[in-house]
Amino acid sequence: MQYHCIDAVLGAVTRWGLGFALTQPETPIGPNPHTFGHPGAGGSIGFADPDARVGFGYTMNQMGADSLIDRRAATLFNALFAVL
């Protein structure tokens, strides 16, 4: 981990490695601690979970209002982890 504090622009806790966002308790990307990726504007997200040996990408056709992890994407990736 290289950086973990409140982002001055987003006003939310962020956690970064070298070039990628890291999963964190405040906004988890699945259940495993080594997950990394990046959320995008309006709800898109891409990440890899080396523990589960899975990658995930989501893009939408209508921007959402969530600032970090979109509820629509979270519903999908949580379902993915539930069946692994």
PDB file of N, CA and C in Angstrom:
ATOM      1  N   MET A   1       0.849  -1.169   0.000  1.00  0.00           N
ATOM      2  CA  MET A   1       0.000   0.000   0.000  1.00  0.00           C
ATOM      3  C   MET A   1       0.900   1.240   0.000  1.00  0.00           C
ATOM      4  N   GLN A   2       0.571   2.196  -0.848  1.00  0.00           N
ATOM      5  CA  GLN A   2       1.338   3.424  -0.954  1.00  0.00           C
ATOM      6  C   GLN A   2       0.618   4.642  -0.375  1.00  0.00           C
ATOM      7  N   TYR A   3      -0.716   4.587  -0.329  1.00  0.00           N
ATOM      8  CA  TYR A   3      -1.489   5.767   0.033  1.00  0.00           C
ATOM      9  C   TYR A   3      -2.823   5.319   0.616  1.00  0.00           C
ATOM     10  N   HIS A   4      -3.216   5.881   1.760  1.00  0.00           N
ATOM     11  CA  HIS A   4      -4.496   5.559   2.380  1.00  0.00           C
ATOM     12  C   HIS A   4      -4.942   6.754   3.211  1.00  0.00           C
ATOM     13  N   CYS A   5      -5.868   7.539   2.664  1.00  0.00           N
ATOM     14  CA  CYS A   5      -6.409   8.685   3.401  1.00  0.00           C
ATOM     15  C   CYS A   5      -7.642   9.213   2.670  1.00  0.00           C
ATOM     16  N   ILE A   6      -8.164  10.321   3.122  1.00  0.00           N
ATOM     17  CA  ILE A   6      -9.338  10.911   2.489  1.00  0.00           C
ATOM     18  C   ILE A   6      -8.895  11.687   1.251  1.00  0.00           C
ATOM     19  N   ASP A   7      -9.489  11.348   0.103  1.00  0.00           N
ATOM     20  CA  ASP A   7      -9.205  12.028  -1.148  1.00  0.00           C
ATOM     21  C   ASP A   7      -9.785  13.434  -1.090  1.00  0.00           C
ATOM     22  N   ALA A   8      -8.973  14.439  -1.394  1.00  0.00           N
ATOM     23  CA  ALA A   8      -9.399  15.828  -1.293  1.00  0.00           C
ATOM     24  C   ALA A   8     -10.497  16.181  -2.290  1.00  0.00           C
ATOM     25  N   VAL A   9     -10.548  15.510  -3.434  1.00  0.00           N
ATOM     26  CA  VAL A   9     -11.559  15.808  -4.449  1.00  0.00           C
ATOM     27  C   VAL A   9     -12.851  15.045  -4.177  1.00  0.00           C
ATOM     28  N   LEU A  10     -12.737  13.733  -3.940  1.00  0.00           N
ATOM     29  CA  LEU A  10     -13.924  12.899  -3.738  1.00  0.00           C
ATOM     30  C   LEU A  10     -14.510  13.023  -2.343  1.00  0.00           C
ATOM     31  N   GLY A  11     -13.674  13.397  -1.386  1.00  0.00           N
ATOM     32  CA  GLY A  11     -14.133  13.468  -0.008  1.00  0.00           C
ATOM     33  C   GLY A  11     -14.392  12.100   0.592  1.00  0.00           C
ATOM     34  N   ALA A  12     -13.796  11.066   0.012  1.00  0.00           N
ATOM     35  CA  ALA A  12     -13.987   9.686   0.464  1.00  0.00           C
ATOM     36  C   ALA A  12     -12.630   9.060   0.747  1.00  0.00           C
ATOM     37  N   VAL A  13     -12.619   8.053   1.605  1.00  0.00           N
ATOM     38  CA  VAL A  13     -11.388   7.332   1.895  1.00  0.00           C
ATOM     39  C   VAL A  13     -10.962   6.568   0.650  1.00  0.00           C
ATOM     40  N   THR A  14      -9.696   6.694   0.283  1.00  0.00           N
ATOM     41  CA  THR A  14      -9.149   5.949  -0.852  1.00  0.00           C
ATOM     42  C   THR A  14      -7.884   5.234  -0.410  1.00  0.00           C
ATOM     43  N   ARG A  15      -7.589   4.146  -1.086  1.00  0.00           N
ATOM     44  CA  ARG A  15      -6.429   3.316  -0.766  1.00  0.00           C
ATOM     45  C   ARG A  15      -5.781   2.919  -2.086  1.00  0.00           C
ATOM     46  N   TRP A  16      -4.495   3.250  -2.265  1.00  0.00           N
ATOM     47  CA  TRP A  16      -3.811   3.037  -3.534  1.00  0.00           C
ATOM     48  C   TRP A  16      -2.533   2.227  -3.368  1.00  0.00           C
ATOM     49  N   GLY A  17      -2.279   1.399  -4.373  1.00  0.00           N
ATOM     50  CA  GLY A  17      -0.987   0.742  -4.533  1.00  0.00           C
ATOM     51  C   GLY A  17      -0.221   1.523  -5.587  1.00  0.00           C
ATOM     52  N   LEU A  18       0.670   0.860  -6.294  1.00  0.00           N
ATOM     53  CA  LEU A  18       1.423   1.520  -7.355  1.00  0.00           C
ATOM     54  C   LEU A  18       0.627   1.488  -8.653  1.00  0.00           C
ATOM     55  N   GLY A  19      -0.244   2.490  -8.858  1.00  0.00           N
ATOM     56  CA  GLY A  19      -0.993   2.621 -10.089  1.00  0.00           C
ATOM     57  C   GLY A  19      -2.407   2.086 -10.066  1.00  0.00           C
ATOM     58  N   PHE A  20      -2.786   1.385  -9.023  1.00  0.00           N
ATOM     59  CA  PHE A  20      -4.131   0.813  -8.940  1.00  0.00           C
ATOM     60  C   PHE A  20      -4.754   1.129  -7.589  1.00  0.00           C
ATOM     61  N   ALA A  21      -6.073   1.239  -7.605  1.00  0.00           N
ATOM     62  CA  ALA A  21      -6.796   1.335  -6.340  1.00  0.00           C
ATOM     63  C   ALA A  21      -6.823  -0.052  -5.705  1.00  0.00           C
ATOM     64  N   LEU A  22      -6.763  -0.100  -4.407  1.00  0.00           N
ATOM     65  CA  LEU A  22      -6.809  -1.356  -3.661  1.00  0.00           C
ATOM     66  C   LEU A  22      -8.142  -1.467  -2.942  1.00  0.00           C
ATOM     67  N   THR A  23      -8.628  -2.693  -2.782  1.00  0.00           N
ATOM     68  CA  THR A  23      -9.853  -2.883  -2.012  1.00  0.00           C
ATOM     69  C   THR A  23      -9.640  -2.342  -0.605  1.00  0.00           C
ATOM     70  N   GLN A  24     -10.714  -1.906   0.015  1.00  0.00           N
ATOM     71  CA  GLN A  24     -10.620  -1.331   1.358  1.00  0.00           C
ATOM     72  C   GLN A  24     -11.924  -1.587   2.106  1.00  0.00           C
ATOM     73  N   PRO A  25     -11.890  -1.574   3.422  1.00  0.00           N
ATOM     74  CA  PRO A  25     -13.102  -1.853   4.193  1.00  0.00           C
ATOM     75  C   PRO A  25     -14.253  -0.890   3.899  1.00  0.00           C
ATOM     76  N   GLU A  26     -13.944   0.369   3.626  1.00  0.00           N
ATOM     77  CA  GLU A  26     -14.988   1.361   3.387  1.00  0.00           C
ATOM     78  C   GLU A  26     -15.734   1.118   2.069  1.00  0.00           C
ATOM     79  N   THR A  27     -15.030   0.637   1.059  1.00  0.00           N
ATOM     80  CA  THR A  27     -15.615   0.338  -0.256  1.00  0.00           C
ATOM     81  C   THR A  27     -14.971  -0.941  -0.788  1.00  0.00           C
ATOM     82  N   PRO A  28     -15.403  -2.097  -0.290  1.00  0.00           N
ATOM     83  CA  PRO A  28     -14.757  -3.350  -0.683  1.00  0.00           C
ATOM     84  C   PRO A  28     -15.067  -3.747  -2.128  1.00  0.00           C
ATOM     85  N   ILE A  29     -14.063  -4.336  -2.749  1.00  0.00           N
ATOM     86  CA  ILE A  29     -14.228  -4.951  -4.072  1.00  0.00           C
ATOM     87  C   ILE A  29     -14.080  -6.458  -3.823  1.00  0.00           C
ATOM     88  N   GLY A  30     -15.146  -7.096  -3.409  1.00  0.00           N
ATOM     89  CA  GLY A  30     -15.103  -8.523  -3.120  1.00  0.00           C
ATOM     90  C   GLY A  30     -14.517  -8.818  -1.755  1.00  0.00           C
ATOM     91  N   PRO A  31     -14.376 -10.110  -1.438  1.00  0.00           N
ATOM     92  CA  PRO A  31     -13.993 -10.523  -0.095  1.00  0.00           C
ATOM     93  C   PRO A  31     -12.491 -10.663   0.154  1.00  0.00           C
ATOM     94  N   ASN A  32     -11.670 -10.604  -0.892  1.00  0.00           N
ATOM     95  CA  ASN A  32     -10.254 -10.920  -0.734  1.00  0.00           C
ATOM     96  C   ASN A  32      -9.381  -9.671  -0.604  1.00  0.00           C
ATOM     97  N   PRO A  33      -8.313  -9.751   0.189  1.00  0.00           N
ATOM     98  CA  PRO A  33      -7.521  -8.561   0.519  1.00  0.00           C
ATOM     99  C   PRO A  33      -6.576  -8.073  -0.577  1.00  0.00           C
ATOM    100  N   HIS A  34      -6.290  -8.855  -1.592  1.00  0.00           N
ATOM    101  CA  HIS A  34      -5.322  -8.459  -2.621  1.00  0.00           C
ATOM    102  C   HIS A  34      -5.963  -7.938  -3.906  1.00  0.00           C
ATOM    103  N   THR A  35      -7.262  -7.697  -3.900  1.00  0.00           N
ATOM    104  CA  THR A  35      -7.971  -7.217  -5.083  1.00  0.00           C
ATOM    105  C   THR A  35      -7.502  -5.807  -5.435  1.00  0.00           C
ATOM    106  N   PHE A  36      -7.313  -5.554  -6.736  1.00  0.00           N
ATOM    107  CA  PHE A  36      -6.880  -4.234  -7.189  1.00  0.00           C
ATOM    108  C   PHE A  36      -7.550  -3.896  -8.510  1.00  0.00           C
ATOM    109  N   GLY A  37      -7.708  -2.629  -8.789  1.00  0.00           N
ATOM    110  CA  GLY A  37      -8.331  -2.186 -10.028  1.00  0.00           C
ATOM    111  C   GLY A  37      -8.597  -0.711  -9.976  1.00  0.00           C
ATOM    112  N   HIS A  38      -9.716  -0.296 -10.584  1.00  0.00           N
ATOM    113  CA  HIS A  38     -10.033   1.123 -10.568  1.00  0.00           C
ATOM    114  C   HIS A  38     -11.494   1.346 -10.921  1.00  0.00           C
ATOM    115  N   PRO A  39     -12.228   2.102 -10.072  1.00  0.00           N
ATOM    116  CA  PRO A  39     -13.579   2.504 -10.451  1.00  0.00           C
ATOM    117  C   PRO A  39     -13.493   3.685 -11.408  1.00  0.00           C
ATOM    118  N   GLY A  40     -14.499   3.826 -12.256  1.00  0.00           N
ATOM    119  CA  GLY A  40     -14.511   4.922 -13.213  1.00  0.00           C
ATOM    120  C   GLY A  40     -15.703   5.833 -12.998  1.00  0.00           C
ATOM    121  N   ALA A  41     -15.757   6.869 -13.790  1.00  0.00           N
ATOM    122  CA  ALA A  41     -16.836   7.858 -13.680  1.00  0.00           C
ATOM    123  C   ALA A  41     -18.190   7.225 -13.958  1.00  0.00           C
ATOM    124  N   GLY A  42     -19.133   7.509 -13.111  1.00  0.00           N
ATOM    125  CA  GLY A  42     -20.503   7.108 -13.347  1.00  0.00           C
ATOM    126  C   GLY A  42     -20.848   5.675 -13.035  1.00  0.00           C
ATOM    127  N   GLY A  43     -19.884   4.861 -12.596  1.00  0.00           N
ATOM    128  CA  GLY A  43     -20.215   3.497 -12.208  1.00  0.00           C
ATOM    129  C   GLY A  43     -19.410   2.392 -12.835  1.00  0.00           C
ATOM    130  N   SER A  44     -18.606   2.681 -13.844  1.00  0.00           N
ATOM    131  CA  SER A  44     -17.802   1.609 -14.445  1.00  0.00           C
ATOM    132  C   SER A  44     -16.706   1.178 -13.472  1.00  0.00           C
ATOM    133  N   ILE A  45     -16.229  -0.052 -13.640  1.00  0.00           N
ATOM    134  CA  ILE A  45     -15.160  -0.563 -12.787  1.00  0.00           C
ATOM    135  C   ILE A  45     -14.461  -1.716 -13.501  1.00  0.00           C
ATOM    136  N   GLY A  46     -13.192  -1.841 -13.237  1.00  0.00           N
ATOM    137  CA  GLY A  46     -12.423  -2.999 -13.679  1.00  0.00           C
ATOM    138  C   GLY A  46     -11.503  -3.399 -12.545  1.00  0.00           C
ATOM    139  N   PHE A  47     -11.395  -4.693 -12.281  1.00  0.00           N
ATOM    140  CA  PHE A  47     -10.501  -5.141 -11.220  1.00  0.00           C
ATOM    141  C   PHE A  47     -10.064  -6.575 -11.451  1.00  0.00           C
ATOM    142  N   ALA A  48      -9.014  -6.950 -10.742  1.00  0.00           N
ATOM    143  CA  ALA A  48      -8.525  -8.324 -10.733  1.00  0.00           C
ATOM    144  C   ALA A  48      -8.411  -8.775  -9.285  1.00  0.00           C
ATOM    145  N   ASP A  49      -8.711 -10.039  -9.060  1.00  0.00           N
ATOM    146  CA  ASP A  49      -8.564 -10.641  -7.741  1.00  0.00           C
ATOM    147  C   ASP A  49      -7.648 -11.838  -7.888  1.00  0.00           C
ATOM    148  N   PRO A  50      -6.353 -11.675  -7.577  1.00  0.00           N
ATOM    149  CA  PRO A  50      -5.423 -12.789  -7.747  1.00  0.00           C
ATOM    150  C   PRO A  50      -5.707 -13.973  -6.822  1.00  0.00           C
ATOM    151  N   ASP A  51      -6.316 -13.727  -5.659  1.00  0.00           N
ATOM    152  CA  ASP A  51      -6.644 -14.826  -4.746  1.00  0.00           C
ATOM    153  C   ASP A  51      -7.705 -15.744  -5.359  1.00  0.00           C
ATOM    154  N   ALA A  52      -8.724 -15.142  -5.971  1.00  0.00           N
ATOM    155  CA  ALA A  52      -9.808 -15.916  -6.588  1.00  0.00           C
ATOM    156  C   ALA A  52      -9.498 -16.269  -8.046  1.00  0.00           C
ATOM    157  N   ARG A  53      -8.415 -15.704  -8.582  1.00  0.00           N
ATOM    158  CA  ARG A  53      -8.014 -15.922  -9.985  1.00  0.00           C
ATOM    159  C   ARG A  53      -9.133 -15.507 -10.948  1.00  0.00           C
ATOM    160  N   VAL A  54      -9.641 -14.287 -10.738  1.00  0.00           N
ATOM    161  CA  VAL A  54     -10.737 -13.782 -11.565  1.00  0.00           C
ATOM    162  C   VAL A  54     -10.516 -12.292 -11.854  1.00  0.00           C
ATOM    163  N   GLY A  55     -10.969 -11.886 -13.015  1.00  0.00           N
ATOM    164  CA  GLY A  55     -10.999 -10.469 -13.377  1.00  0.00           C
ATOM    165  C   GLY A  55     -12.436 -10.080 -13.652  1.00  0.00           C
ATOM    166  N   PHE A  56     -12.758  -8.813 -13.529  1.00  0.00           N
ATOM    167  CA  PHE A  56     -14.126  -8.342 -13.701  1.00  0.00           C
ATOM    168  C   PHE A  56     -14.095  -6.961 -14.330  1.00  0.00           C
ATOM    169  N   GLY A  57     -14.963  -6.741 -15.303  1.00  0.00           N
ATOM    170  CA  GLY A  57     -15.118  -5.423 -15.895  1.00  0.00           C
ATOM    171  C   GLY A  57     -16.591  -5.112 -16.058  1.00  0.00           C
ATOM    172  N   TYR A  58     -16.963  -3.882 -15.781  1.00  0.00           N
ATOM    173  CA  TYR A  58     -18.354  -3.462 -15.901  1.00  0.00           C
ATOM    174  C   TYR A  58     -18.398  -2.053 -16.463  1.00  0.00           C
ATOM    175  N   THR A  59     -19.214  -1.875 -17.456  1.00  0.00           N
ATOM    176  CA  THR A  59     -19.514  -0.539 -17.966  1.00  0.00           C
ATOM    177  C   THR A  59     -21.009  -0.453 -18.196  1.00  0.00           C
ATOM    178  N   MET A  60     -21.547   0.728 -18.117  1.00  0.00           N
ATOM    179  CA  MET A  60     -22.997   0.871 -18.172  1.00  0.00           C
ATOM    180  C   MET A  60     -23.382   1.849 -19.271  1.00  0.00           C
ATOM    181  N   ASN A  61     -24.666   1.899 -19.584  1.00  0.00           N
ATOM    182  CA  ASN A  61     -25.126   2.828 -20.601  1.00  0.00           C
ATOM    183  C   ASN A  61     -25.844   4.036 -19.991  1.00  0.00           C
ATOM    184  N   GLN A  62     -25.850   4.130 -18.673  1.00  0.00           N
ATOM    185  CA  GLN A  62     -26.404   5.290 -17.992  1.00  0.00           C
ATOM    186  C   GLN A  62     -25.575   5.554 -16.745  1.00  0.00           C
ATOM    187  N   MET A  63     -25.018   6.738 -16.638  1.00  0.00           N
ATOM    188  CA  MET A  63     -24.159   7.063 -15.505  1.00  0.00           C
ATOM    189  C   MET A  63     -24.943   7.052 -14.203  1.00  0.00           C
ATOM    190  N   GLY A  64     -24.300   6.536 -13.155  1.00  0.00           N
ATOM    191  CA  GLY A  64     -24.894   6.530 -11.832  1.00  0.00           C
ATOM    192  C   GLY A  64     -24.350   7.671 -10.991  1.00  0.00           C
ATOM    193  N   ALA A  65     -24.893   7.835  -9.815  1.00  0.00           N
ATOM    194  CA  ALA A  65     -24.506   8.937  -8.933  1.00  0.00           C
ATOM    195  C   ALA A  65     -23.503   8.518  -7.865  1.00  0.00           C
ATOM    196  N   ASP A  66     -23.211   7.208  -7.738  1.00  0.00           N
ATOM    197  CA  ASP A  66     -22.284   6.751  -6.705  1.00  0.00           C
ATOM    198  C   ASP A  66     -20.885   7.277  -6.994  1.00  0.00           C
ATOM    199  N   SER A  67     -20.171   7.706  -5.956  1.00  0.00           N
ATOM    200  CA  SER A  67     -18.863   8.317  -6.169  1.00  0.00           C
ATOM    201  C   SER A  67     -17.739   7.305  -6.347  1.00  0.00           C
ATOM    202  N   LEU A  68     -17.805   6.145  -5.714  1.00  0.00           N
ATOM    203  CA  LEU A  68     -16.714   5.175  -5.859  1.00  0.00           C
ATOM    204  C   LEU A  68     -17.203   3.859  -6.453  1.00  0.00           C
ATOM    205  N   ILE A  69     -17.873   3.049  -5.681  1.00  0.00           N
ATOM    206  CA  ILE A  69     -18.328   1.747  -6.168  1.00  0.00           C
ATOM    207  C   ILE A  69     -19.828   1.821  -6.439  1.00  0.00           C
ATOM    208  N   ASP A  70     -20.199   1.665  -7.696  1.00  0.00           N
ATOM    209  CA  ASP A  70     -21.594   1.736  -8.109  1.00  0.00           C
ATOM    210  C   ASP A  70     -22.377   0.534  -7.580  1.00  0.00           C
ATOM    211  N   ARG A  71     -23.587   0.776  -7.112  1.00  0.00           N
ATOM    212  CA  ARG A  71     -24.429  -0.305  -6.572  1.00  0.00           C
ATOM    213  C   ARG A  71     -24.704  -1.381  -7.611  1.00  0.00           C
ATOM    214  N   ARG A  72     -24.880  -0.983  -8.877  1.00  0.00           N
ATOM    215  CA  ARG A  72     -25.160  -1.968  -9.939  1.00  0.00           C
ATOM    216  C   ARG A  72     -23.966  -2.897 -10.140  1.00  0.00           C
ATOM    217  N   ALA A  73     -22.784  -2.332 -10.195  1.00  0.00           N
ATOM    218  CA  ALA A  73     -21.578  -3.142 -10.358  1.00  0.00           C
ATOM    219  C   ALA A  73     -21.354  -4.025  -9.140  1.00  0.00           C
ATOM    220  N   ALA A  74     -21.550  -3.470  -7.945  1.00  0.00           N
ATOM    221  CA  ALA A  74     -21.353  -4.236  -6.713  1.00  0.00           C
ATOM    222  C   ALA A  74     -22.295  -5.429  -6.643  1.00  0.00           C
ATOM    223  N   THR A  75     -23.523  -5.263  -7.080  1.00  0.00           N
ATOM    224  CA  THR A  75     -24.480  -6.369  -7.106  1.00  0.00           C
ATOM    225  C   THR A  75     -23.953  -7.496  -7.996  1.00  0.00           C
ATOM    226  N   LEU A  76     -23.404  -7.145  -9.142  1.00  0.00           N
ATOM    227  CA  LEU A  76     -22.876  -8.157 -10.064  1.00  0.00           C
ATOM    228  C   LEU A  76     -21.622  -8.840  -9.543  1.00  0.00           C
ATOM    229  N   PHE A  77     -20.646  -8.058  -9.061  1.00  0.00           N
ATOM    230  CA  PHE A  77     -19.414  -8.719  -8.606  1.00  0.00           C
ATOM    231  C   PHE A  77     -19.611  -9.470  -7.298  1.00  0.00           C
ATOM    232  N   ASN A  78     -20.543  -9.042  -6.458  1.00  0.00           N
ATOM    233  CA  ASN A  78     -20.853  -9.827  -5.257  1.00  0.00           C
ATOM    234  C   ASN A  78     -21.512 -11.161  -5.627  1.00  0.00           C
ATOM    235  N   ALA A  79     -22.353 -11.163  -6.661  1.00  0.00           N
ATOM    236  CA  ALA A  79     -22.945 -12.423  -7.155  1.00  0.00           C
ATOM    237  C   ALA A  79     -21.859 -13.333  -7.722  1.00  0.00           C
ATOM    238  N   LEU A  80     -20.892 -12.747  -8.427  1.00  0.00           N
ATOM    239  CA  LEU A  80     -19.774 -13.531  -8.951  1.00  0.00           C
ATOM    240  C   LEU A  80     -19.015 -14.218  -7.823  1.00  0.00           C
ATOM    241  N   PHE A  81     -18.654 -13.468  -6.798  1.00  0.00           N
ATOM    242  CA  PHE A  81     -17.907 -14.054  -5.682  1.00  0.00           C
ATOM    243  C   PHE A  81     -18.740 -15.094  -4.923  1.00  0.00           C
ATOM    244  N   ALA A  82     -20.051 -14.930  -4.903  1.00  0.00           N
ATOM    245  CA  ALA A  82     -20.924 -15.876  -4.199  1.00  0.00           C
ATOM    246  C   ALA A  82     -20.911 -17.250  -4.849  1.00  0.00           C
ATOM    247  N   VAL A  83     -20.674 -17.317  -6.166  1.00  0.00           N
ATOM    248  CA  VAL A  83     -20.691 -18.599  -6.856  1.00  0.00           C
ATOM    249  C   VAL A  83     -19.299 -19.219  -7.024  1.00  0.00           C
ATOM    250  N   LEU A  84     -18.264 -18.494  -6.644  1.00  0.00           N
ATOM    251  CA  LEU A  84     -16.905 -19.049  -6.764  1.00  0.00           C
ATOM    252  C   LEU A  84     -16.622 -20.065  -5.657  1.00  0.00           C
TER     253      LEU A  84
END
